[in-house]
C-alpha atoms as a PDB file:
ATOM      1  CA  MET A   1      33.041  14.862-232.930  1.00  0.00           C
ATOM      2  CA  VAL A   2      32.686  14.247-236.929  1.00  0.00           C
ATOM      3  CA  ALA A   3      32.782  10.793-236.328  1.00  0.00           C
ATOM      4  CA  ALA A   4      30.169  10.456-234.120  1.00  0.00           C
ATOM      5  CA  ILE A   5      27.659  12.950-235.740  1.00  0.00           C
ATOM      6  CA  ARG A   6      28.351  10.511-238.672  1.00  0.00           C
ATOM      7  CA  GLU A   7      28.072   7.659-236.699  1.00  0.00           C
ATOM      8  CA  TYR A   8      24.591   8.878-234.699  1.00  0.00           C
ATOM      9  CA  PRO A   9      23.209  11.072-237.225  1.00  0.00           C
ATOM     10  CA  VAL A  10      19.508  10.866-235.157  1.00  0.00           C
ATOM     11  CA  THR A  11      20.673  11.176-231.692  1.00  0.00           C
ATOM     12  CA  THR A  12      22.906  14.142-232.330  1.00  0.00           C
ATOM     13  CA  SER A  13      20.476  16.162-234.782  1.00  0.00           C
ATOM     14  CA  VAL A  14      18.196  15.355-231.759  1.00  0.00           C
ATOM     15  CA  VAL A  15      20.435  16.778-229.034  1.00  0.00           C
ATOM     16  CA  ALA A  16      21.694  19.559-230.864  1.00  0.00           C
ATOM     17  CA  ALA A  17      18.119  20.801-231.474  1.00  0.00           C
ATOM     18  CA  LEU A  18      17.767  20.157-227.728  1.00  0.00           C
ATOM     19  CA  ALA A  19      20.479  22.500-227.273  1.00  0.00           C
ATOM     20  CA  LEU A  20      19.762  25.098-229.176  1.00  0.00           C
ATOM     21  CA  ALA A  21      15.586  24.888-227.841  1.00  0.00           C
ATOM     22  CA  ALA A  22      17.506  25.077-224.429  1.00  0.00           C
ATOM     23  CA  ALA A  23      19.775  28.240-225.291  1.00  0.00           C
ATOM     24  CA  ILE A  24      16.645  29.849-227.039  1.00  0.00           C
ATOM     25  CA  LEU A  25      14.275  29.778-223.974  1.00  0.00           C
ATOM     26  CA  LEU A  26      17.319  30.946-221.760  1.00  0.00           C
ATOM     27  CA  LEU A  27      17.983  34.169-224.287  1.00  0.00           C
ATOM     28  CA  LEU A  28      14.105  34.784-224.081  1.00  0.00           C
ATOM     29  CA  VAL A  29      14.184  34.340-220.016  1.00  0.00           C
ATOM     30  CA  ARG A  30      16.879  36.398-219.541  1.00  0.00           C
ATOM     31  CA  THR A  31      15.542  39.037-221.713  1.00  0.00           C
ATOM     32  CA  GLY A  32      12.245  38.819-220.211  1.00  0.00           C
ATOM     33  CA  ARG A  33      10.148  38.295-223.471  1.00  0.00           C
ATOM     34  CA  ILE A  34       9.523  35.185-221.301  1.00  0.00           C
ATOM     35  CA  GLN A  35       8.220  34.935-217.624  1.00  0.00           C
ATOM     36  CA  LEU A  36       8.457  31.294-216.025  1.00  0.00           C
ATOM     37  CA  PRO A  37       5.832  30.463-213.671  1.00  0.00           C
ATOM     38  CA  THR A  38       6.403  30.982-209.955  1.00  0.00           C
ATOM     39  CA  LEU A  39       4.434  30.159-206.741  1.00  0.00           C
ATOM     40  CA  PRO A  40       1.966  32.577-205.355  1.00  0.00           C
ATOM     41  CA  THR A  41       3.169  34.726-202.958  1.00  0.00           C
ATOM     42  CA  ALA A  42       0.739  32.401-200.651  1.00  0.00           C
ATOM     43  CA  ALA A  43       2.189  29.124-201.218  1.00  0.00           C
ATOM     44  CA  ARG A  44       6.105  30.840-200.740  1.00  0.00           C
ATOM     45  CA  THR A  45       4.638  32.011-197.222  1.00  0.00           C
ATOM     46  CA  ASP A  46       2.564  28.891-196.399  1.00  0.00           C
ATOM     47  CA  PHE A  47       4.750  27.286-194.827  1.00  0.00           C
ATOM     48  CA  THR A  48       6.090  30.203-192.035  1.00  0.00           C
ATOM     49  CA  HIS A  49       2.005  30.551-191.478  1.00  0.00           C
ATOM     50  CA  SER A  50       1.303  26.720-191.223  1.00  0.00           C
ATOM     51  CA  ILE A  51       4.290  26.586-188.203  1.00  0.00           C
ATOM     52  CA  ALA A  52       2.579  29.408-186.566  1.00  0.00           C
ATOM     53  CA  VAL A  53      -0.309  28.210-186.461  1.00  0.00           C
ATOM     54  CA  TYR A  54       1.245  24.559-184.672  1.00  0.00           C
ATOM     55  CA  GLN A  55       2.741  26.944-182.556  1.00  0.00           C
ATOM     56  CA  HIS A  56      -0.063  28.359-181.223  1.00  0.00           C
ATOM     57  CA  MET A  57      -2.359  25.355-180.566  1.00  0.00           C
ATOM     58  CA  THR A  58      -2.562  24.246-176.734  1.00  0.00           C
ATOM     59  CA  GLY A  59      -0.430  20.438-176.593  1.00  0.00           C
ATOM     60  CA  THR A  60      -4.329  18.848-177.159  1.00  0.00           C
ATOM     61  CA  GLN A  61      -4.953  20.800-180.347  1.00  0.00           C
ATOM     62  CA  PHE A  62      -1.490  20.125-181.818  1.00  0.00           C
ATOM     63  CA  GLU A  63      -2.254  16.643-181.292  1.00  0.00           C
ATOM     64  CA  HIS A  64      -5.779  16.591-183.318  1.00  0.00           C
ATOM     65  CA  ALA A  65      -4.188  18.096-186.433  1.00  0.00           C
ATOM     66  CA  ILE A  66      -0.856  15.316-186.251  1.00  0.00           C
ATOM     67  CA  ALA A  67      -4.121  13.319-186.210  1.00  0.00           C
ATOM     68  CA  ASP A  68      -5.838  15.097-189.195  1.00  0.00           C
ATOM     69  CA  LEU A  69      -2.902  16.134-190.931  1.00  0.00           C
ATOM     70  CA  ALA A  70      -2.206  12.343-190.881  1.00  0.00           C
ATOM     71  CA  ARG A  71      -5.905  11.069-192.065  1.00  0.00           C
ATOM     72  CA  ARG A  72      -4.866  13.269-195.424  1.00  0.00           C
ATOM     73  CA  ASP A  73      -2.699  10.023-196.273  1.00  0.00           C
ATOM     74  CA  ALA A  74      -5.102   6.811-198.508  1.00  0.00           C
ATOM     75  CA  SER A  75      -2.375   4.423-196.786  1.00  0.00           C
ATOM     76  CA  VAL A  76      -3.986   5.686-193.299  1.00  0.00           C
ATOM     77  CA  ARG A  77      -6.686   3.327-192.091  1.00  0.00           C
ATOM     78  CA  THR A  78      -7.526   4.925-188.634  1.00  0.00           C
ATOM     79  CA  ALA A  79      -5.182   7.941-186.577  1.00  0.00           C
ATOM     80  CA  THR A  80      -6.491   8.068-182.979  1.00  0.00           C
ATOM     81  CA  VAL A  81      -5.418  10.759-180.360  1.00  0.00           C
ATOM     82  CA  SER A  82      -4.467   9.062-177.242  1.00  0.00           C
ATOM     83  CA  GLY A  83      -2.369  11.736-175.904  1.00  0.00           C
ATOM     84  CA  GLY A  84      -2.954  13.099-172.056  1.00  0.00           C
ATOM     85  CA  THR A  85      -1.620  12.253-168.275  1.00  0.00           C
ATOM     86  CA  ASN A  86       0.308   8.832-168.033  1.00  0.00           C
ATOM     87  CA  ASP A  87      -0.083   8.434-172.035  1.00  0.00           C
ATOM     88  CA  ARG A  88       3.494   6.269-171.751  1.00  0.00           C
ATOM     89  CA  ALA A  89       5.078   8.514-174.842  1.00  0.00           C
ATOM     90  CA  LEU A  90       1.718   7.893-177.587  1.00  0.00           C
ATOM     91  CA  ASP A  91      -0.642  10.780-178.258  1.00  0.00           C
ATOM     92  CA  VAL A  92      -1.448   9.322-181.626  1.00  0.00           C
ATOM     93  CA  LEU A  93      -1.676   5.685-182.944  1.00  0.00           C
ATOM     94  CA  LEU A  94      -1.895   5.664-186.364  1.00  0.00           C
ATOM     95  CA  GLN A  95      -2.945   2.029-188.103  1.00  0.00           C
ATOM     96  CA  LEU A  96      -1.864   1.846-191.627  1.00  0.00           C
ATOM     97  CA  THR A  97      -3.927  -0.538-194.454  1.00  0.00           C
ATOM     98  CA  ASP A  98      -0.297  -2.154-194.892  1.00  0.00           C
ATOM     99  CA  GLY A  99      -1.001  -3.838-191.500  1.00  0.00           C
ATOM    100  CA  ARG A 100       1.788  -1.206-189.701  1.00  0.00           C
ATOM    101  CA  ARG A 101       1.496   0.410-186.542  1.00  0.00           C
ATOM    102  CA  ILE A 102       2.982   3.566-185.667  1.00  0.00           C
ATOM    103  CA  ALA A 103       3.061   5.513-182.747  1.00  0.00           C
ATOM    104  CA  ILE A 104       3.555   9.627-182.775  1.00  0.00           C
ATOM    105  CA  GLN A 105       4.805  11.067-180.093  1.00  0.00           C
ATOM    106  CA  CYS A 106       3.578  15.040-180.578  1.00  0.00           C
ATOM    107  CA  LYS A 107       5.822  18.079-179.103  1.00  0.00           C
ATOM    108  CA  ARG A 108       4.701  21.388-179.762  1.00  0.00           C
ATOM    109  CA  TYR A 109       7.235  23.894-178.989  1.00  0.00           C
ATOM    110  CA  ALA A 110       8.143  27.313-179.387  1.00  0.00           C
ATOM    111  CA  PRO A 111      11.638  27.787-181.852  1.00  0.00           C
ATOM    112  CA  SER A 112      13.737  28.363-178.538  1.00  0.00           C
ATOM    113  CA  ASN A 113      12.951  24.895-176.627  1.00  0.00           C
ATOM    114  CA  ARG A 114      13.940  22.193-178.378  1.00  0.00           C
ATOM    115  CA  VAL A 115      13.337  18.746-178.260  1.00  0.00           C
ATOM    116  CA  GLY A 116      16.156  16.877-175.862  1.00  0.00           C
ATOM    117  CA  ALA A 117      17.189  13.127-175.276  1.00  0.00           C
ATOM    118  CA  PRO A 118      14.737  11.813-172.256  1.00  0.00           C
ATOM    119  CA  VAL A 119      11.728  12.006-175.396  1.00  0.00           C
ATOM    120  CA  ILE A 120      13.805  10.115-177.141  1.00  0.00           C
ATOM    121  CA  TYR A 121      14.106   7.171-174.539  1.00  0.00           C
ATOM    122  CA  ALA A 122      10.948   7.688-172.978  1.00  0.00           C
ATOM    123  CA  VAL A 123       9.748   6.961-176.892  1.00  0.00           C
ATOM    124  CA  ASN A 124      11.821   4.165-177.499  1.00  0.00           C
ATOM    125  CA  GLY A 125      11.055   2.426-174.392  1.00  0.00           C
ATOM    126  CA  THR A 126       7.670   2.293-174.999  1.00  0.00           C
ATOM    127  CA  TYR A 127       7.152   2.015-178.867  1.00  0.00           C
ATOM    128  CA  ARG A 128       7.739  -1.433-179.472  1.00  0.00           C
ATOM    129  CA  ALA A 129       6.828  -3.585-176.260  1.00  0.00           C
ATOM    130  CA  TYR A 130       3.923  -1.974-174.939  1.00  0.00           C
ATOM    131  CA  HIS A 131       2.303  -0.046-177.456  1.00  0.00           C
ATOM    132  CA  ARG A 132       3.035  -2.978-180.427  1.00  0.00           C
ATOM    133  CA  CYS A 133       3.831  -0.611-182.972  1.00  0.00           C
ATOM    134  CA  ASP A 134       6.422  -1.136-185.502  1.00  0.00           C
ATOM    135  CA  GLN A 135       7.567   2.329-185.853  1.00  0.00           C
ATOM    136  CA  ALA A 136       7.893   5.337-183.980  1.00  0.00           C
ATOM    137  CA  LEU A 137       7.804   9.437-184.979  1.00  0.00           C
ATOM    138  CA  ILE A 138       8.466  12.068-182.525  1.00  0.00           C
ATOM    139  CA  ILE A 139       6.612  15.386-184.256  1.00  0.00           C
ATOM    140  CA  THR A 140       7.128  18.897-183.078  1.00  0.00           C
ATOM    141  CA  THR A 141       7.147  22.690-184.046  1.00  0.00           C
ATOM    142  CA  SER A 142      10.668  23.120-182.804  1.00  0.00           C
ATOM    143  CA  SER A 143      14.139  20.876-183.776  1.00  0.00           C
ATOM    144  CA  PHE A 144      15.509  18.204-181.471  1.00  0.00           C
ATOM    145  CA  THR A 145      19.135  19.036-179.452  1.00  0.00           C
ATOM    146  CA  PRO A 146      22.527  17.441-180.684  1.00  0.00           C
ATOM    147  CA  ASP A 147      22.316  14.952-177.725  1.00  0.00           C
ATOM    148  CA  ALA A 148      18.508  14.254-178.856  1.00  0.00           C
ATOM    149  CA  GLN A 149      19.873  13.147-182.589  1.00  0.00           C
ATOM    150  CA  ARG A 150      23.056  11.497-181.337  1.00  0.00           C
ATOM    151  CA  ALA A 151      20.836   9.862-178.866  1.00  0.00           C
ATOM    152  CA  ASN A 152      18.773   8.515-181.479  1.00  0.00           C
ATOM    153  CA  ALA A 153      21.556   7.444-183.540  1.00  0.00           C
ATOM    154  CA  GLU A 154      22.500   5.360-180.987  1.00  0.00           C
ATOM    155  CA  LEU A 155      19.702   2.717-181.050  1.00  0.00           C
ATOM    156  CA  ASP A 156      19.456  -0.299-182.617  1.00  0.00           C
ATOM    157  CA  HIS A 157      16.037   1.021-184.390  1.00  0.00           C
ATOM    158  CA  PRO A 158      16.239   4.788-184.926  1.00  0.00           C
ATOM    159  CA  LEU A 159      12.797   6.830-184.662  1.00  0.00           C
ATOM    160  CA  ARG A 160      12.091   9.025-187.152  1.00  0.00           C
ATOM    161  CA  LEU A 161      12.164  12.739-185.909  1.00  0.00           C
ATOM    162  CA  ILE A 162      10.423  15.714-187.337  1.00  0.00           C
ATOM    163  CA  ASP A 163      11.727  18.702-186.724  1.00  0.00           C
ATOM    164  CA  GLY A 164       9.149  22.155-187.672  1.00  0.00           C
ATOM    165  CA  ARG A 165      10.583  22.335-191.283  1.00  0.00           C
ATOM    166  CA  ALA A 166       9.832  18.679-192.179  1.00  0.00           C
ATOM    167  CA  LEU A 167       6.583  19.547-190.908  1.00  0.00           C
ATOM    168  CA  GLY A 168       5.857  22.493-192.596  1.00  0.00           C
ATOM    169  CA  ARG A 169       7.076  20.603-196.117  1.00  0.00           C
ATOM    170  CA  TRP A 170       4.454  17.879-194.698  1.00  0.00           C
ATOM    171  CA  VAL A 171       2.005  20.190-194.062  1.00  0.00           C
ATOM    172  CA  SER A 172       2.397  22.072-197.720  1.00  0.00           C
ATOM    173  CA  GLY A 173       1.626  18.478-199.375  1.00  0.00           C
ATOM    174  CA  GLY A 174       4.633  16.467-199.319  1.00  0.00           C
ATOM    175  CA  ARG A 175       4.721  13.011-198.717  1.00  0.00           C
ATOM    176  CA  PRO A 176       3.996  12.018-195.114  1.00  0.00           C
ATOM    177  CA  PRO A 177       6.661  10.798-193.193  1.00  0.00           C
ATOM    178  CA  TRP A 178       5.791   7.081-192.375  1.00  0.00           C
ATOM    179  CA  GLY A 179       6.037   6.882-195.999  1.00  0.00           C
ATOM    180  CA  THR A 180       8.707   4.829-197.854  1.00  0.00           C
END
């Protein structure tokens, strides 16, 4: 240790100063003399509130809300809602500024209902060949069954599965699910 101090006096002095500053800060926080900033209560509960709002929408409202959420991202050129009867597993079509096309299937489910493997198969069967998209996402307010996750993992080009938790992070300002 003494050899290291002699060989690198500036580096060891900086490291020692940082360690001392961290120890003092920890002591001040533990004694209550300094309080670290925390998120306001509204921001901490926003995740649960956001998902509840989405769960109470109609299917069409949810599709429009996802398109609106996508439009917040600067990389999205257009977000077109195309869901409805016989939509061939496409509810929102994104055109990104880099030219990629992304198909989104929206599933607004109660927490007790989960997205199953048939939805995975339907989206996988249409997003490339029929809709000419580069990528596909399934976004749900709920979660995916183990069979759906397994079916997706076995695909040559797995879909991006966005469950309620991931949706909540996105809604709260997180990265969009098509980000690189």
